[in-house]
């Protein structure tokens, strides 16, 4: 019963806020109003406030636009943590578009949906991302292609980095870590609460995070570099930087 009350204190206000903001966001996306960038930031910040979450930022987020932010991926929470900082669109697998409720929210954040199971679709995905760069947007790519436990960074897939061959697209590495709960540093076991991996169901993960109480996430931004024609070398370099920053965040360095 106590767990249900805690969950309701987060979920009910968030649902009400969603219903209030939804018509404005639908219109903003339809008519390409600038408000379409602001509403998701408000929503993400409200969700984090309801969860009792705080975010530490190390380094400077790129101010350049267009920019591709290449990050590790741990949890559904990553979307909230990053989306609360500044207007950004995410790259997500095409299946997300069909998730009840969450698919609509992803579309309203102007997510770029990509087909990961067919190599023949890669070119279309690259073109879709490049089109966003032409509109001078900030795009977040979870280059591992899946979420992981937050202890290591899986190898980065280089295929979608082909969209940043143009030298006027800035590229920045980003490490996401979950570092504290109730103000106390998290060890490996504690960090696993925030990982959402494989075939794990979403709702139990959401309830578990709510049950855990206030937590702290950390965003570590790397150096800003130009796009490159050598996407495989770029993937290796970005992977090394994200891995280094994640290890530093997890150990408190």
C-alpha atoms as a PDB file:
ATOM      1  CA  UNK A   1       0.000   0.000   0.000  1.00  0.00           C
ATOM      2  CA  UNK A   2       2.803   2.390   0.904  1.00  0.00           C
ATOM      3  CA  UNK A   3       4.526   1.668  -2.398  1.00  0.00           C
ATOM      4  CA  UNK A   4       1.292   2.373  -4.285  1.00  0.00           C
ATOM      5  CA  UNK A   5       0.897   5.743  -2.537  1.00  0.00           C
ATOM      6  CA  UNK A   6       4.474   6.735  -3.409  1.00  0.00           C
ATOM      7  CA  UNK A   7       3.931   5.755  -7.021  1.00  0.00           C
ATOM      8  CA  UNK A   8       0.663   7.696  -7.209  1.00  0.00           C
ATOM      9  CA  UNK A   9       2.366  10.843  -5.916  1.00  0.00           C
ATOM     10  CA  UNK A  10       4.641  10.742  -8.953  1.00  0.00           C
ATOM     11  CA  UNK A  11       2.472   9.229 -11.665  1.00  0.00           C
ATOM     12  CA  UNK A  12      -0.794  11.115 -11.116  1.00  0.00           C
ATOM     13  CA  UNK A  13       0.701  14.647 -11.291  1.00  0.00           C
ATOM     14  CA  UNK A  14       2.813  13.609 -14.289  1.00  0.00           C
ATOM     15  CA  UNK A  15      -0.226  12.278 -16.130  1.00  0.00           C
ATOM     16  CA  UNK A  16      -2.131  15.484 -15.402  1.00  0.00           C
ATOM     17  CA  UNK A  17       0.796  17.601 -16.622  1.00  0.00           C
ATOM     18  CA  UNK A  18       0.980  15.494 -19.767  1.00  0.00           C
ATOM     19  CA  UNK A  19      -2.703  16.042 -20.493  1.00  0.00           C
ATOM     20  CA  UNK A  20      -2.264  19.794 -20.015  1.00  0.00           C
ATOM     21  CA  UNK A  21       0.799  20.089 -22.246  1.00  0.00           C
ATOM     22  CA  UNK A  22      -0.237  17.566 -24.883  1.00  0.00           C
ATOM     23  CA  UNK A  23      -2.525  19.811 -27.014  1.00  0.00           C
ATOM     24  CA  UNK A  24       0.059  22.603 -27.080  1.00  0.00           C
ATOM     25  CA  UNK A  25       2.824  20.210 -28.103  1.00  0.00           C
ATOM     26  CA  UNK A  26       0.691  18.605 -30.813  1.00  0.00           C
ATOM     27  CA  UNK A  27       0.047  22.032 -32.334  1.00  0.00           C
ATOM     28  CA  UNK A  28       3.658  23.137 -31.896  1.00  0.00           C
ATOM     29  CA  UNK A  29       5.009  20.087 -33.713  1.00  0.00           C
ATOM     30  CA  UNK A  30       2.338  20.348 -36.414  1.00  0.00           C
ATOM     31  CA  UNK A  31       3.121  23.986 -37.192  1.00  0.00           C
ATOM     32  CA  UNK A  32       6.832  23.844 -36.303  1.00  0.00           C
ATOM     33  CA  UNK A  33       6.560  26.447 -33.555  1.00  0.00           C
ATOM     34  CA  UNK A  34       9.579  27.101 -31.359  1.00  0.00           C
ATOM     35  CA  UNK A  35       7.439  26.123 -28.369  1.00  0.00           C
ATOM     36  CA  UNK A  36       7.917  22.512 -29.526  1.00  0.00           C
ATOM     37  CA  UNK A  37      11.483  22.707 -28.166  1.00  0.00           C
ATOM     38  CA  UNK A  38      10.505  24.155 -24.790  1.00  0.00           C
ATOM     39  CA  UNK A  39       7.587  21.919 -23.790  1.00  0.00           C
ATOM     40  CA  UNK A  40       9.595  18.654 -23.622  1.00  0.00           C
ATOM     41  CA  UNK A  41      12.207  20.358 -21.425  1.00  0.00           C
ATOM     42  CA  UNK A  42       9.456  21.463 -19.022  1.00  0.00           C
ATOM     43  CA  UNK A  43       8.006  17.940 -18.999  1.00  0.00           C
ATOM     44  CA  UNK A  44      11.343  16.254 -18.314  1.00  0.00           C
ATOM     45  CA  UNK A  45      12.269  18.698 -15.561  1.00  0.00           C
ATOM     46  CA  UNK A  46       8.885  18.178 -13.914  1.00  0.00           C
ATOM     47  CA  UNK A  47       9.293  14.397 -14.061  1.00  0.00           C
ATOM     48  CA  UNK A  48      12.723  14.604 -12.433  1.00  0.00           C
ATOM     49  CA  UNK A  49      11.386  16.921  -9.732  1.00  0.00           C
ATOM     50  CA  UNK A  50       8.591  14.475  -8.951  1.00  0.00           C
ATOM     51  CA  UNK A  51      11.137  11.649  -8.740  1.00  0.00           C
ATOM     52  CA  UNK A  52      13.332  13.707  -6.420  1.00  0.00           C
ATOM     53  CA  UNK A  53      16.194  13.498  -8.914  1.00  0.00           C
ATOM     54  CA  UNK A  54      19.113  15.891  -9.171  1.00  0.00           C
ATOM     55  CA  UNK A  55      21.717  16.108 -11.904  1.00  0.00           C
ATOM     56  CA  UNK A  56      25.392  17.020 -11.691  1.00  0.00           C
ATOM     57  CA  UNK A  57      27.039  18.292 -14.870  1.00  0.00           C
ATOM     58  CA  UNK A  58      30.765  17.980 -15.492  1.00  0.00           C
ATOM     59  CA  UNK A  59      32.158  19.711 -18.554  1.00  0.00           C
ATOM     60  CA  UNK A  60      30.414  22.067 -20.953  1.00  0.00           C
ATOM     61  CA  UNK A  61      27.556  20.981 -23.204  1.00  0.00           C
ATOM     62  CA  UNK A  62      28.103  22.099 -26.785  1.00  0.00           C
ATOM     63  CA  UNK A  63      26.431  25.355 -27.733  1.00  0.00           C
ATOM     64  CA  UNK A  64      27.045  24.741 -31.418  1.00  0.00           C
ATOM     65  CA  UNK A  65      24.183  23.661 -33.623  1.00  0.00           C
ATOM     66  CA  UNK A  66      23.913  21.269 -35.322  1.00  0.00           C
ATOM     67  CA  UNK A  67      25.503  18.843 -32.891  1.00  0.00           C
ATOM     68  CA  UNK A  68      25.522  15.086 -32.435  1.00  0.00           C
ATOM     69  CA  UNK A  69      25.824  13.983 -28.805  1.00  0.00           C
ATOM     70  CA  UNK A  70      27.069  10.401 -28.589  1.00  0.00           C
ATOM     71  CA  UNK A  71      26.303   8.748 -25.251  1.00  0.00           C
ATOM     72  CA  UNK A  72      26.191   5.473 -23.376  1.00  0.00           C
ATOM     73  CA  UNK A  73      22.762   4.128 -22.498  1.00  0.00           C
ATOM     74  CA  UNK A  74      21.695   2.751 -19.111  1.00  0.00           C
ATOM     75  CA  UNK A  75      18.026   3.411 -18.568  1.00  0.00           C
ATOM     76  CA  UNK A  76      14.781   5.018 -19.675  1.00  0.00           C
ATOM     77  CA  UNK A  77      15.824   7.662 -17.166  1.00  0.00           C
ATOM     78  CA  UNK A  78      18.565   8.776 -19.550  1.00  0.00           C
ATOM     79  CA  UNK A  79      15.900  10.440 -21.696  1.00  0.00           C
ATOM     80  CA  UNK A  80      14.657  12.493 -18.748  1.00  0.00           C
ATOM     81  CA  UNK A  81      18.132  13.419 -17.528  1.00  0.00           C
ATOM     82  CA  UNK A  82      19.340  14.662 -20.908  1.00  0.00           C
ATOM     83  CA  UNK A  83      16.014  16.080 -22.066  1.00  0.00           C
ATOM     84  CA  UNK A  84      15.776  18.270 -18.961  1.00  0.00           C
ATOM     85  CA  UNK A  85      19.027  20.070 -19.811  1.00  0.00           C
ATOM     86  CA  UNK A  86      18.254  21.548 -23.236  1.00  0.00           C
ATOM     87  CA  UNK A  87      16.082  20.986 -26.322  1.00  0.00           C
ATOM     88  CA  UNK A  88      17.217  17.800 -28.022  1.00  0.00           C
ATOM     89  CA  UNK A  89      15.887  15.006 -30.214  1.00  0.00           C
ATOM     90  CA  UNK A  90      16.810  11.364 -29.683  1.00  0.00           C
ATOM     91  CA  UNK A  91      17.549   8.521 -32.055  1.00  0.00           C
ATOM     92  CA  UNK A  92      15.523   5.435 -31.105  1.00  0.00           C
ATOM     93  CA  UNK A  93      14.767   2.028 -32.554  1.00  0.00           C
ATOM     94  CA  UNK A  94      11.619   1.907 -34.652  1.00  0.00           C
ATOM     95  CA  UNK A  95       9.809  -0.365 -32.162  1.00  0.00           C
ATOM     96  CA  UNK A  96       9.577   2.501 -29.674  1.00  0.00           C
ATOM     97  CA  UNK A  97       7.117   4.285 -31.959  1.00  0.00           C
ATOM     98  CA  UNK A  98       4.595   1.522 -31.281  1.00  0.00           C
ATOM     99  CA  UNK A  99       4.860   1.501 -27.480  1.00  0.00           C
ATOM    100  CA  UNK A 100       1.556   2.483 -25.912  1.00  0.00           C
ATOM    101  CA  UNK A 101       1.717   6.051 -24.602  1.00  0.00           C
ATOM    102  CA  UNK A 102       5.507   6.222 -24.681  1.00  0.00           C
ATOM    103  CA  UNK A 103       5.562   6.029 -28.472  1.00  0.00           C
ATOM    104  CA  UNK A 104       3.398   9.147 -28.684  1.00  0.00           C
ATOM    105  CA  UNK A 105       5.630  11.005 -26.235  1.00  0.00           C
ATOM    106  CA  UNK A 106       8.686  10.020 -28.270  1.00  0.00           C
ATOM    107  CA  UNK A 107       7.065  11.290 -31.460  1.00  0.00           C
ATOM    108  CA  UNK A 108       6.175  14.578 -29.774  1.00  0.00           C
ATOM    109  CA  UNK A 109       9.836  14.990 -28.855  1.00  0.00           C
ATOM    110  CA  UNK A 110      10.508  14.596 -32.586  1.00  0.00           C
ATOM    111  CA  UNK A 111      12.488  11.410 -32.082  1.00  0.00           C
ATOM    112  CA  UNK A 112      14.281   9.997 -35.118  1.00  0.00           C
ATOM    113  CA  UNK A 113      13.144   6.378 -35.426  1.00  0.00           C
ATOM    114  CA  UNK A 114      15.582   3.999 -37.106  1.00  0.00           C
ATOM    115  CA  UNK A 115      15.292   0.408 -38.276  1.00  0.00           C
ATOM    116  CA  UNK A 116      18.202  -1.462 -36.679  1.00  0.00           C
ATOM    117  CA  UNK A 117      17.407  -4.978 -37.896  1.00  0.00           C
ATOM    118  CA  UNK A 118      17.799  -4.335 -41.633  1.00  0.00           C
ATOM    119  CA  UNK A 119      21.092  -3.090 -43.041  1.00  0.00           C
ATOM    120  CA  UNK A 120      19.281  -1.841 -46.116  1.00  0.00           C
ATOM    121  CA  UNK A 121      17.479   0.704 -43.927  1.00  0.00           C
ATOM    122  CA  UNK A 122      20.713   2.269 -42.644  1.00  0.00           C
ATOM    123  CA  UNK A 123      20.946   4.709 -45.539  1.00  0.00           C
ATOM    124  CA  UNK A 124      17.449   6.033 -44.874  1.00  0.00           C
ATOM    125  CA  UNK A 125      18.261   6.431 -41.180  1.00  0.00           C
ATOM    126  CA  UNK A 126      21.461   8.335 -41.969  1.00  0.00           C
ATOM    127  CA  UNK A 127      19.524  10.601 -44.332  1.00  0.00           C
ATOM    128  CA  UNK A 128      16.876  11.249 -41.664  1.00  0.00           C
ATOM    129  CA  UNK A 129      19.511  12.288 -39.135  1.00  0.00           C
ATOM    130  CA  UNK A 130      21.333  14.415 -41.712  1.00  0.00           C
ATOM    131  CA  UNK A 131      18.037  16.142 -42.438  1.00  0.00           C
ATOM    132  CA  UNK A 132      17.777  17.127 -38.784  1.00  0.00           C
ATOM    133  CA  UNK A 133      21.293  18.528 -38.921  1.00  0.00           C
ATOM    134  CA  UNK A 134      20.224  20.628 -41.891  1.00  0.00           C
ATOM    135  CA  UNK A 135      17.626  22.121 -39.530  1.00  0.00           C
ATOM    136  CA  UNK A 136      20.438  22.799 -37.036  1.00  0.00           C
ATOM    137  CA  UNK A 137      19.156  20.506 -34.291  1.00  0.00           C
ATOM    138  CA  UNK A 138      20.873  18.768 -31.387  1.00  0.00           C
ATOM    139  CA  UNK A 139      20.588  14.983 -31.726  1.00  0.00           C
ATOM    140  CA  UNK A 140      21.429  12.357 -29.084  1.00  0.00           C
ATOM    141  CA  UNK A 141      22.616   8.960 -30.301  1.00  0.00           C
ATOM    142  CA  UNK A 142      22.944   6.039 -27.881  1.00  0.00           C
ATOM    143  CA  UNK A 143      25.668   4.439 -29.940  1.00  0.00           C
ATOM    144  CA  UNK A 144      25.748   1.091 -28.114  1.00  0.00           C
ATOM    145  CA  UNK A 145      22.427   0.305 -29.762  1.00  0.00           C
ATOM    146  CA  UNK A 146      20.999  -0.992 -26.475  1.00  0.00           C
ATOM    147  CA  UNK A 147      21.003  -0.165 -22.777  1.00  0.00           C
ATOM    148  CA  UNK A 148      23.549  -1.701 -20.401  1.00  0.00           C
ATOM    149  CA  UNK A 149      24.365  -1.861 -16.692  1.00  0.00           C
ATOM    150  CA  UNK A 150      26.350   1.369 -16.407  1.00  0.00           C
ATOM    151  CA  UNK A 151      29.599  -0.345 -15.409  1.00  0.00           C
ATOM    152  CA  UNK A 152      31.145  -0.582 -18.866  1.00  0.00           C
ATOM    153  CA  UNK A 153      30.360   0.827 -22.290  1.00  0.00           C
ATOM    154  CA  UNK A 154      29.528  -1.646 -25.038  1.00  0.00           C
ATOM    155  CA  UNK A 155      31.230  -1.155 -28.434  1.00  0.00           C
ATOM    156  CA  UNK A 156      29.736   1.700 -30.416  1.00  0.00           C
ATOM    157  CA  UNK A 157      27.957   1.019 -33.673  1.00  0.00           C
ATOM    158  CA  UNK A 158      29.412   3.267 -36.330  1.00  0.00           C
ATOM    159  CA  UNK A 159      26.726   3.031 -39.037  1.00  0.00           C
ATOM    160  CA  UNK A 160      24.682   6.076 -37.990  1.00  0.00           C
ATOM    161  CA  UNK A 161      27.792   8.228 -37.551  1.00  0.00           C
ATOM    162  CA  UNK A 162      27.790   8.534 -41.326  1.00  0.00           C
ATOM    163  CA  UNK A 163      25.368  11.427 -40.876  1.00  0.00           C
ATOM    164  CA  UNK A 164      28.130  13.681 -39.501  1.00  0.00           C
ATOM    165  CA  UNK A 165      30.527  13.568 -42.413  1.00  0.00           C
ATOM    166  CA  UNK A 166      29.899  17.251 -42.955  1.00  0.00           C
ATOM    167  CA  UNK A 167      32.564  19.207 -41.106  1.00  0.00           C
ATOM    168  CA  UNK A 168      30.045  21.763 -39.839  1.00  0.00           C
ATOM    169  CA  UNK A 169      28.405  19.188 -37.545  1.00  0.00           C
ATOM    170  CA  UNK A 170      29.886  19.277 -34.039  1.00  0.00           C
ATOM    171  CA  UNK A 171      30.255  15.960 -32.210  1.00  0.00           C
ATOM    172  CA  UNK A 172      30.439  15.586 -28.431  1.00  0.00           C
ATOM    173  CA  UNK A 173      30.856  12.521 -26.223  1.00  0.00           C
ATOM    174  CA  UNK A 174      28.597  12.205 -23.172  1.00  0.00           C
ATOM    175  CA  UNK A 175      28.804   9.779 -20.259  1.00  0.00           C
ATOM    176  CA  UNK A 176      25.686   9.185 -18.162  1.00  0.00           C
ATOM    177  CA  UNK A 177      26.063   7.705 -14.673  1.00  0.00           C
ATOM    178  CA  UNK A 178      23.832   7.183 -11.640  1.00  0.00           C
ATOM    179  CA  UNK A 179      26.017   8.061  -8.705  1.00  0.00           C
ATOM    180  CA  UNK A 180      24.041   8.552  -5.480  1.00  0.00           C
ATOM    181  CA  UNK A 181      20.829   7.685  -3.664  1.00  0.00           C
ATOM    182  CA  UNK A 182      19.575   9.835  -0.774  1.00  0.00           C
ATOM    183  CA  UNK A 183      22.908  11.654  -1.077  1.00  0.00           C
ATOM    184  CA  UNK A 184      25.011   8.523  -0.459  1.00  0.00           C
ATOM    185  CA  UNK A 185      27.410   7.271  -3.156  1.00  0.00           C
ATOM    186  CA  UNK A 186      26.242   4.198  -5.035  1.00  0.00           C
ATOM    187  CA  UNK A 187      28.296   1.059  -5.465  1.00  0.00           C
ATOM    188  CA  UNK A 188      27.908  -1.408  -8.286  1.00  0.00           C
ATOM    189  CA  UNK A 189      24.878  -3.091  -6.723  1.00  0.00           C
ATOM    190  CA  UNK A 190      23.135   0.214  -6.070  1.00  0.00           C
ATOM    191  CA  UNK A 191      23.711   1.433  -9.612  1.00  0.00           C
ATOM    192  CA  UNK A 192      21.955  -1.608 -11.021  1.00  0.00           C
ATOM    193  CA  UNK A 193      18.637  -0.285  -9.676  1.00  0.00           C
ATOM    194  CA  UNK A 194      18.733   2.346 -12.419  1.00  0.00           C
ATOM    195  CA  UNK A 195      19.736   0.026 -15.254  1.00  0.00           C
ATOM    196  CA  UNK A 196      16.993  -1.081 -17.618  1.00  0.00           C
ATOM    197  CA  UNK A 197      18.351  -3.809 -19.856  1.00  0.00           C
ATOM    198  CA  UNK A 198      17.344  -6.461 -22.312  1.00  0.00           C
ATOM    199  CA  UNK A 199      13.776  -7.696 -22.055  1.00  0.00           C
ATOM    200  CA  UNK A 200      13.101  -6.118 -18.647  1.00  0.00           C
ATOM    201  CA  UNK A 201       9.608  -4.662 -18.377  1.00  0.00           C
ATOM    202  CA  UNK A 202       9.304  -0.904 -18.114  1.00  0.00           C
ATOM    203  CA  UNK A 203       6.603  -0.502 -15.456  1.00  0.00           C
ATOM    204  CA  UNK A 204       8.412  -2.569 -12.753  1.00  0.00           C
ATOM    205  CA  UNK A 205      11.554  -0.528 -13.430  1.00  0.00           C
ATOM    206  CA  UNK A 206       9.635   2.744 -13.033  1.00  0.00           C
ATOM    207  CA  UNK A 207       8.090   1.567  -9.769  1.00  0.00           C
ATOM    208  CA  UNK A 208      11.474   0.420  -8.466  1.00  0.00           C
ATOM    209  CA  UNK A 209      13.033   3.820  -9.172  1.00  0.00           C
ATOM    210  CA  UNK A 210      10.148   5.572  -7.408  1.00  0.00           C
ATOM    211  CA  UNK A 211      10.485   3.215  -4.445  1.00  0.00           C
ATOM    212  CA  UNK A 212      14.197   3.976  -4.212  1.00  0.00           C
ATOM    213  CA  UNK A 213      13.627   7.661  -3.508  1.00  0.00           C
ATOM    214  CA  UNK A 214      15.765  10.689  -4.429  1.00  0.00           C
ATOM    215  CA  UNK A 215      18.812   9.967  -6.563  1.00  0.00           C
ATOM    216  CA  UNK A 216      21.600  11.821  -8.315  1.00  0.00           C
ATOM    217  CA  UNK A 217      22.676  11.351 -11.913  1.00  0.00           C
ATOM    218  CA  UNK A 218      25.817  12.754 -13.480  1.00  0.00           C
ATOM    219  CA  UNK A 219      26.366  13.975 -17.025  1.00  0.00           C
ATOM    220  CA  UNK A 220      29.984  14.246 -18.155  1.00  0.00           C
ATOM    221  CA  UNK A 221      30.532  16.071 -21.434  1.00  0.00           C
ATOM    222  CA  UNK A 222      33.692  15.524 -23.463  1.00  0.00           C
ATOM    223  CA  UNK A 223      35.556  17.716 -25.901  1.00  0.00           C
ATOM    224  CA  UNK A 224      33.756  19.008 -28.978  1.00  0.00           C
ATOM    225  CA  UNK A 225      35.167  17.636 -32.228  1.00  0.00           C
ATOM    226  CA  UNK A 226      34.166  18.047 -35.890  1.00  0.00           C
ATOM    227  CA  UNK A 227      32.505  15.289 -37.887  1.00  0.00           C
ATOM    228  CA  UNK A 228      34.718  12.929 -39.844  1.00  0.00           C
ATOM    229  CA  UNK A 229      34.521  10.773 -42.971  1.00  0.00           C
ATOM    230  CA  UNK A 230      36.084   7.898 -41.011  1.00  0.00           C
ATOM    231  CA  UNK A 231      33.076   6.834 -38.969  1.00  0.00           C
ATOM    232  CA  UNK A 232      34.748   3.709 -37.564  1.00  0.00           C
ATOM    233  CA  UNK A 233      37.690   5.688 -36.208  1.00  0.00           C
ATOM    234  CA  UNK A 234      35.275   8.253 -34.828  1.00  0.00           C
ATOM    235  CA  UNK A 235      33.271   5.498 -33.116  1.00  0.00           C
ATOM    236  CA  UNK A 236      36.416   4.102 -31.486  1.00  0.00           C
ATOM    237  CA  UNK A 237      37.542   7.519 -30.295  1.00  0.00           C
ATOM    238  CA  UNK A 238      34.128   8.427 -28.868  1.00  0.00           C
ATOM    239  CA  UNK A 239      33.833   5.023 -27.195  1.00  0.00           C
ATOM    240  CA  UNK A 240      37.193   5.482 -25.481  1.00  0.00           C
ATOM    241  CA  UNK A 241      36.215   8.932 -24.207  1.00  0.00           C
ATOM    242  CA  UNK A 242      32.788   7.855 -22.940  1.00  0.00           C
ATOM    243  CA  UNK A 243      34.345   4.811 -21.235  1.00  0.00           C
ATOM    244  CA  UNK A 244      36.925   6.989 -19.494  1.00  0.00           C
ATOM    245  CA  UNK A 245      34.330   9.491 -18.313  1.00  0.00           C
ATOM    246  CA  UNK A 246      31.939   6.781 -17.097  1.00  0.00           C
ATOM    247  CA  UNK A 247      34.685   5.134 -15.051  1.00  0.00           C
ATOM    248  CA  UNK A 248      35.569   8.512 -13.518  1.00  0.00           C
ATOM    249  CA  UNK A 249      31.929   9.218 -12.636  1.00  0.00           C
ATOM    250  CA  UNK A 250      31.420   5.792 -11.080  1.00  0.00           C
ATOM    251  CA  UNK A 251      34.522   6.111  -8.911  1.00  0.00           C
ATOM    252  CA  UNK A 252      33.928   9.765  -7.987  1.00  0.00           C
ATOM    253  CA  UNK A 253      37.028  11.110  -9.664  1.00  0.00           C
END
